[in-house]
Amino acid sequence: MGIDTGPLFEALTVKGKTLRNRVVMPPMVVLRGLTTPEGVEWYGRHACGGVGLVIVEATAVNRFGPELTAENLRPLADAIHAGGALAAIQLFPVTFGRPVSPAMLKPHEIDEILAAYRTAGRICREAGFDGVEPHGAHGYLLNLFFSPVKNRRKDSFGGELANRCRMALAVVEATRQGFDDGGLLLYRHTPVGQGYGIEESLALAEELVKAGVDVLDISPSSVEFPGDRAAPFKRFGVPVIAVNQLDEPERALEVLREGRADLIAVGRGLIADPDWPTKVKEGRLGEVVKCIRCDEMCFGNLKKGIPIECTQWKA
């Protein structure tokens, strides 16, 4: 007798926008481009596989305007919508590969980053995206501002907790100013990081929600207890996304049954099999092409600077 996967496929409406189910494709850099036929096909194909929300890979905000426009991004949003999913895009504060610490940034450079978030939000809205997500996790710049270990600033952006929250809140405000049509504002945060723990993260999350964040994307939870580090963030009354090896349906269902999160992010499992949601919904678990976590052609290709693939596609 198969497992009841029904909870994974209940709809969820947030601010008038309805996700057809609880499965999220998280942002993963795939090196196919956002405006190329290959990139549009990649994201459209994954939407067709049955996810409720596609979050397009982290994209530097300084690319919006000079390179990325509403016109050349619209086919990407349209392809995701055509597949039946909502479309969001993750916004990254600086150019990839540029080593930047909080202390390095002069006040006018912070202003430039905030202006770029404002522009990126506006262009994403005009392109038809349903949501945008500032990337504040995984030891990248916005996360470094939050870290008491990595943030050595002596001004209002460093020091006490309220100051270390300031950059994230300023980015949220700027992004909302651009993406001002009632669309979804997500924020990705790592709950336990360099020099901080859950309690400080909860303090940040409370302020993020007050500032207008509609969905908290908490990454990652532990392997041992799926969704555990996402669970405390449920107290703020907005949907919470959990991630980490949730391509195993039993683990994903445990998160939902225990009320630890509202949405389930499946990353490498969707690289291995874009039809993961449809197969799981239809009870065809034996047909799912499973990620074996070898990292050979996903992270491996990423390090080589070539489009990611999966060793299991041919298998």
Protein backbone atom coordinates (compact mmCIF):
# COMPACT_ATOMS: atom_id res chain seq x y z
CA MET A 1 0.00 0.00 0.00
CA GLY A 2 1.46 3.38 -1.03
CA ILE A 3 1.93 6.40 1.19
CA ASP A 4 -0.61 9.22 1.23
CA THR A 5 1.14 12.11 -0.51
CA GLY A 6 -1.98 14.28 -0.48
CA PRO A 7 -0.61 16.94 1.93
CA LEU A 8 2.15 17.75 -0.57
CA PHE A 9 -0.43 18.64 -3.18
CA GLU A 10 -2.78 20.92 -1.30
CA ALA A 11 -3.01 24.41 -2.76
CA LEU A 12 -1.77 27.43 -0.81
CA THR A 13 -2.83 31.02 -1.42
CA VAL A 14 -0.55 33.85 -0.34
CA LYS A 15 -1.66 37.46 -0.89
CA GLY A 16 -4.10 36.40 -3.57
CA LYS A 17 -1.58 34.27 -5.46
CA THR A 18 -2.25 30.53 -5.42
CA LEU A 19 0.43 27.86 -5.50
CA ARG A 20 -1.14 24.67 -6.84
CA ASN A 21 0.82 22.59 -4.32
CA ARG A 22 3.49 22.77 -1.61
CA VAL A 23 6.48 21.83 -3.78
CA VAL A 24 9.01 24.56 -4.53
CA MET A 25 11.89 24.49 -6.99
CA PRO A 26 14.55 26.43 -5.05
CA PRO A 27 17.05 28.78 -6.70
CA MET A 28 19.94 26.80 -8.19
CA VAL A 29 22.51 28.30 -10.56
CA VAL A 30 22.42 26.14 -13.69
CA LEU A 31 24.55 28.21 -16.12
CA ARG A 32 22.04 28.17 -18.95
CA GLY A 33 21.27 31.89 -18.95
CA LEU A 34 17.97 33.54 -18.15
CA THR A 35 17.24 34.98 -21.57
CA THR A 36 18.56 32.12 -23.73
CA PRO A 37 16.33 29.44 -25.26
CA GLU A 38 18.16 26.88 -23.12
CA GLY A 39 17.47 28.75 -19.90
CA VAL A 40 13.82 29.42 -20.72
CA GLU A 41 13.34 25.77 -21.66
CA TRP A 42 15.00 24.57 -18.42
CA TYR A 43 12.72 26.53 -16.15
CA GLY A 44 9.62 25.98 -18.24
CA ARG A 45 10.27 22.25 -18.28
CA HIS A 46 10.53 22.13 -14.50
CA ALA A 47 7.29 24.07 -14.14
CA CYS A 48 5.62 21.50 -16.40
CA GLY A 49 6.89 18.79 -14.05
CA GLY A 50 4.36 19.90 -11.48
CA VAL A 51 5.96 22.23 -8.90
CA GLY A 52 3.87 24.96 -7.35
CA LEU A 53 6.56 27.63 -7.36
CA VAL A 54 9.76 28.06 -9.36
CA ILE A 55 12.39 30.34 -7.84
CA VAL A 56 14.86 31.25 -10.58
CA GLU A 57 18.54 31.14 -9.68
CA ALA A 58 20.36 33.89 -7.79
CA THR A 59 20.89 36.82 -10.14
CA ALA A 60 23.04 39.85 -9.38
CA VAL A 61 20.97 43.00 -9.10
CA ASN A 62 23.47 45.08 -11.07
CA ARG A 63 22.55 43.04 -14.15
CA PHE A 64 19.04 44.49 -14.19
CA GLY A 65 18.75 47.40 -16.58
CA PRO A 66 22.05 47.14 -18.47
CA GLU A 67 21.62 43.46 -19.34
CA LEU A 68 18.31 42.11 -18.02
CA THR A 69 15.15 43.97 -18.99
CA ALA A 70 11.43 43.40 -18.63
CA GLU A 71 11.30 42.56 -22.33
CA ASN A 72 14.02 39.92 -22.39
CA LEU A 73 12.96 38.37 -19.07
CA ARG A 74 9.27 38.10 -19.94
CA PRO A 75 9.68 34.85 -21.93
CA LEU A 76 11.16 33.23 -18.81
CA ALA A 77 8.24 34.25 -16.59
CA ASP A 78 5.79 33.26 -19.32
CA ALA A 79 7.35 29.80 -19.70
CA ILE A 80 7.05 29.13 -15.97
CA HIS A 81 3.44 30.29 -15.96
CA ALA A 82 2.68 28.16 -19.02
CA GLY A 83 3.85 25.15 -17.01
CA GLY A 84 1.35 25.95 -14.26
CA ALA A 85 3.70 27.31 -11.59
CA LEU A 86 4.17 30.70 -10.00
CA ALA A 87 7.42 32.43 -10.95
CA ALA A 88 9.86 34.11 -8.57
CA ILE A 89 13.51 35.07 -8.93
CA GLN A 90 16.26 35.30 -6.33
CA LEU A 91 18.16 38.58 -6.19
CA PHE A 92 21.84 38.61 -5.27
CA PRO A 93 23.50 41.83 -4.03
CA VAL A 94 26.79 41.81 -5.95
CA THR A 95 28.47 40.25 -8.96
CA PHE A 96 29.27 36.57 -8.43
CA GLY A 97 32.89 35.91 -7.65
CA ARG A 98 33.54 39.42 -6.37
CA PRO A 99 34.92 39.07 -2.81
CA VAL A 100 33.02 41.64 -0.77
CA SER A 101 32.78 41.98 3.00
CA PRO A 102 30.56 44.41 4.92
CA ALA A 103 33.58 46.44 6.03
CA MET A 104 34.69 46.99 2.42
CA LEU A 105 31.54 48.83 1.41
CA LYS A 106 31.48 52.61 1.59
CA PRO A 107 28.13 54.32 2.35
CA HIS A 108 27.62 55.31 -1.29
CA GLU A 109 28.21 51.69 -2.36
CA ILE A 110 25.48 50.51 0.03
CA ASP A 111 23.20 53.13 -1.52
CA GLU A 112 24.07 51.80 -4.97
CA ILE A 113 23.19 48.24 -3.93
CA LEU A 114 19.85 49.39 -2.55
CA ALA A 115 19.12 51.35 -5.73
CA ALA A 116 19.94 48.24 -7.76
CA TYR A 117 17.48 46.17 -5.70
CA ARG A 118 14.83 48.81 -6.36
CA THR A 119 15.51 48.63 -10.09
CA ALA A 120 15.59 44.82 -10.10
CA GLY A 121 12.26 44.66 -8.30
CA ARG A 122 10.64 47.00 -10.81
CA ILE A 123 11.97 45.08 -13.82
CA CYS A 124 10.88 41.74 -12.37
CA ARG A 125 7.39 43.13 -11.77
CA GLU A 126 7.20 44.46 -15.33
CA ALA A 127 8.45 41.11 -16.68
CA GLY A 128 5.55 39.31 -15.01
CA PHE A 129 7.19 37.56 -12.07
CA ASP A 130 4.94 36.75 -9.12
CA GLY A 131 7.69 37.15 -6.54
CA VAL A 132 11.25 38.17 -5.78
CA GLU A 133 13.63 36.85 -3.13
CA PRO A 134 16.66 38.69 -1.73
CA HIS A 135 19.38 36.14 -0.93
CA GLY A 136 20.39 36.62 2.70
CA ALA A 137 21.74 33.13 3.41
CA HIS A 138 24.73 30.80 3.15
CA GLY A 139 27.51 33.18 4.13
CA TYR A 140 27.02 35.57 1.22
CA LEU A 141 27.06 39.35 1.63
CA LEU A 142 23.68 40.00 3.27
CA ASN A 143 24.30 37.09 5.62
CA LEU A 144 27.73 38.51 6.45
CA PHE A 145 26.10 41.77 7.52
CA PHE A 146 24.02 39.74 10.02
CA SER A 147 27.02 37.84 11.39
CA PRO A 148 28.69 39.34 14.50
CA VAL A 149 31.85 37.49 13.48
CA LYS A 150 32.04 38.76 9.90
CA ASN A 151 30.52 42.22 10.25
CA ARG A 152 33.19 44.55 11.61
CA ARG A 153 31.52 47.83 10.68
CA LYS A 154 31.49 50.60 13.27
CA ASP A 155 28.55 52.56 11.85
CA SER A 156 24.79 51.94 11.95
CA PHE A 157 25.20 48.77 9.84
CA GLY A 158 27.39 46.96 12.38
CA GLY A 159 27.68 46.11 16.05
CA GLU A 160 24.50 45.39 18.00
CA LEU A 161 21.81 43.09 16.63
CA ALA A 162 19.51 45.89 15.44
CA ASN A 163 22.35 47.34 13.37
CA ARG A 164 23.27 43.96 11.92
CA CYS A 165 19.63 43.56 10.78
CA ARG A 166 19.67 46.94 9.08
CA MET A 167 21.08 45.87 5.71
CA ALA A 168 18.56 43.07 5.27
CA LEU A 169 15.70 45.40 6.17
CA ALA A 170 16.98 48.13 3.85
CA VAL A 171 17.19 45.62 0.99
CA VAL A 172 13.65 44.44 1.69
CA GLU A 173 12.36 48.01 1.72
CA ALA A 174 14.14 48.88 -1.53
CA THR A 175 12.97 45.70 -3.24
CA ARG A 176 9.38 46.27 -2.15
CA GLN A 177 9.52 49.82 -3.52
CA GLY A 178 10.36 48.41 -6.93
CA PHE A 179 8.13 45.35 -6.76
CA ASP A 180 5.14 47.32 -5.54
CA ASP A 181 2.12 45.68 -7.16
CA GLY A 182 1.16 43.24 -4.42
CA GLY A 183 3.56 40.57 -5.60
CA LEU A 184 5.22 38.16 -3.21
CA LEU A 185 8.36 39.18 -1.35
CA LEU A 186 10.41 36.24 -0.09
CA TYR A 187 13.62 36.30 1.94
CA ARG A 188 16.15 33.48 2.23
CA HIS A 189 17.99 33.18 5.53
CA THR A 190 20.28 30.63 7.16
CA PRO A 191 18.96 30.15 10.72
CA VAL A 192 22.26 29.20 12.39
CA GLY A 193 25.41 30.80 11.07
CA GLN A 194 28.74 32.42 11.84
CA GLY A 195 28.42 33.65 15.41
CA TYR A 196 24.62 33.66 15.62
CA GLY A 197 21.84 31.20 16.44
CA ILE A 198 18.12 30.69 16.17
CA GLU A 199 17.09 33.37 18.66
CA GLU A 200 18.89 36.15 16.79
CA SER A 201 17.51 34.81 13.51
CA LEU A 202 14.00 34.92 14.95
CA ALA A 203 14.52 38.55 15.90
CA LEU A 204 15.54 39.30 12.31
CA ALA A 205 12.60 37.34 10.90
CA GLU A 206 10.14 39.26 13.04
CA GLU A 207 11.43 42.53 11.63
CA LEU A 208 11.47 41.16 8.07
CA VAL A 209 7.81 40.24 8.31
CA LYS A 210 6.97 43.67 9.74
CA ALA A 211 8.82 45.16 6.78
CA GLY A 212 6.65 43.27 4.30
CA VAL A 213 8.22 39.86 3.71
CA ASP A 214 5.48 37.41 2.72
CA VAL A 215 7.41 34.12 2.74
CA LEU A 216 10.41 33.07 4.85
CA ASP A 217 12.77 30.71 3.01
CA ILE A 218 14.80 29.04 5.76
CA SER A 219 17.88 27.17 4.50
CA PRO A 220 18.93 24.65 5.55
CA SER A 221 17.38 22.41 8.19
CA SER A 222 19.27 19.46 9.60
CA VAL A 223 19.51 16.09 7.92
CA GLU A 224 18.45 14.25 11.09
CA PHE A 225 15.14 16.08 11.62
CA PRO A 226 13.63 17.40 8.37
CA GLY A 227 12.39 20.95 8.64
CA ASP A 228 13.55 21.35 12.25
CA ARG A 229 15.26 24.71 11.84
CA ALA A 230 12.39 26.07 9.77
CA ALA A 231 9.78 25.23 12.42
CA PRO A 232 10.48 28.11 14.87
CA PHE A 233 9.80 30.64 12.10
CA LYS A 234 6.18 29.51 11.77
CA ARG A 235 5.29 31.78 14.69
CA PHE A 236 5.23 34.88 12.50
CA GLY A 237 2.14 33.88 10.54
CA VAL A 238 3.66 33.80 7.05
CA PRO A 239 4.41 30.67 4.99
CA VAL A 240 7.79 29.08 5.64
CA ILE A 241 9.87 27.07 3.15
CA ALA A 242 12.01 24.18 4.40
CA VAL A 243 14.84 22.51 2.48
CA ASN A 244 17.46 19.75 2.78
CA GLN A 245 17.05 16.27 1.30
CA LEU A 246 13.29 16.66 1.00
CA ASP A 247 13.22 14.82 -2.31
CA GLU A 248 12.51 11.79 -0.13
CA PRO A 249 8.67 11.95 0.06
CA GLU A 250 8.52 10.54 3.58
CA ARG A 251 10.78 13.33 4.85
CA ALA A 252 8.78 15.98 3.00
CA LEU A 253 5.52 14.66 4.39
CA GLU A 254 6.93 14.60 7.92
CA VAL A 255 7.66 18.33 7.64
CA LEU A 256 4.06 19.05 6.68
CA ARG A 257 2.45 16.62 9.11
CA GLU A 258 4.43 18.03 12.03
CA GLY A 259 3.68 21.62 10.98
CA ARG A 260 7.35 22.53 10.71
CA ALA A 261 6.91 24.37 7.40
CA ASP A 262 4.28 25.13 4.79
CA LEU A 263 6.32 24.59 1.64
CA ILE A 264 8.88 21.96 0.63
CA ALA A 265 11.90 22.87 -1.49
CA VAL A 266 13.26 20.04 -3.63
CA GLY A 267 16.60 20.95 -5.20
CA ARG A 268 18.88 18.28 -6.61
CA GLY A 269 15.93 15.89 -6.76
CA LEU A 270 14.39 18.13 -9.41
CA ILE A 271 17.63 18.26 -11.33
CA ALA A 272 17.62 14.47 -11.45
CA ASP A 273 13.92 14.26 -12.33
CA PRO A 274 11.88 17.34 -13.33
CA ASP A 275 8.75 15.18 -13.11
CA TRP A 276 9.30 14.42 -9.41
CA PRO A 277 6.08 16.24 -8.35
CA THR A 278 3.86 14.55 -10.93
CA LYS A 279 5.25 11.08 -10.25
CA VAL A 280 4.93 11.50 -6.49
CA LYS A 281 1.39 12.83 -6.80
CA GLU A 282 0.37 9.90 -8.97
CA GLY A 283 1.97 7.36 -6.64
CA ARG A 284 4.63 6.37 -9.20
CA LEU A 285 7.41 6.53 -6.65
CA GLY A 286 9.28 3.65 -8.25
CA GLU A 287 9.61 5.66 -11.46
CA VAL A 288 11.31 8.66 -9.84
CA VAL A 289 14.87 9.19 -11.07
CA LYS A 290 16.62 9.65 -7.74
CA CYS A 291 19.48 11.97 -6.92
CA ILE A 292 22.32 9.87 -5.48
CA ARG A 293 24.08 12.96 -4.06
CA CYS A 294 27.29 12.32 -5.95
CA ASP A 295 27.66 16.05 -6.78
CA GLU A 296 29.55 15.02 -9.91
CA MET A 297 27.69 16.88 -12.65
CA CYS A 298 25.68 19.41 -10.63
CA PHE A 299 28.21 21.00 -8.28
CA GLY A 300 31.01 19.52 -10.34
CA ASN A 301 29.89 21.23 -13.54
CA LEU A 302 29.18 24.42 -11.63
CA LYS A 303 32.78 24.56 -10.47
CA LYS A 304 33.91 24.04 -14.07
CA GLY A 305 31.67 26.86 -15.28
CA ILE A 306 29.58 24.66 -17.59
CA PRO A 307 25.81 23.95 -17.54
CA ILE A 308 24.83 21.55 -14.81
CA GLU A 309 23.60 18.06 -15.66
CA CYS A 310 23.01 14.85 -13.72
CA THR A 311 24.76 11.46 -13.80
CA GLN A 312 21.37 9.80 -13.37
CA TRP A 313 19.78 11.11 -16.54
CA LYS A 314 21.16 8.29 -18.65
CA ALA A 315 20.67 5.74 -15.89
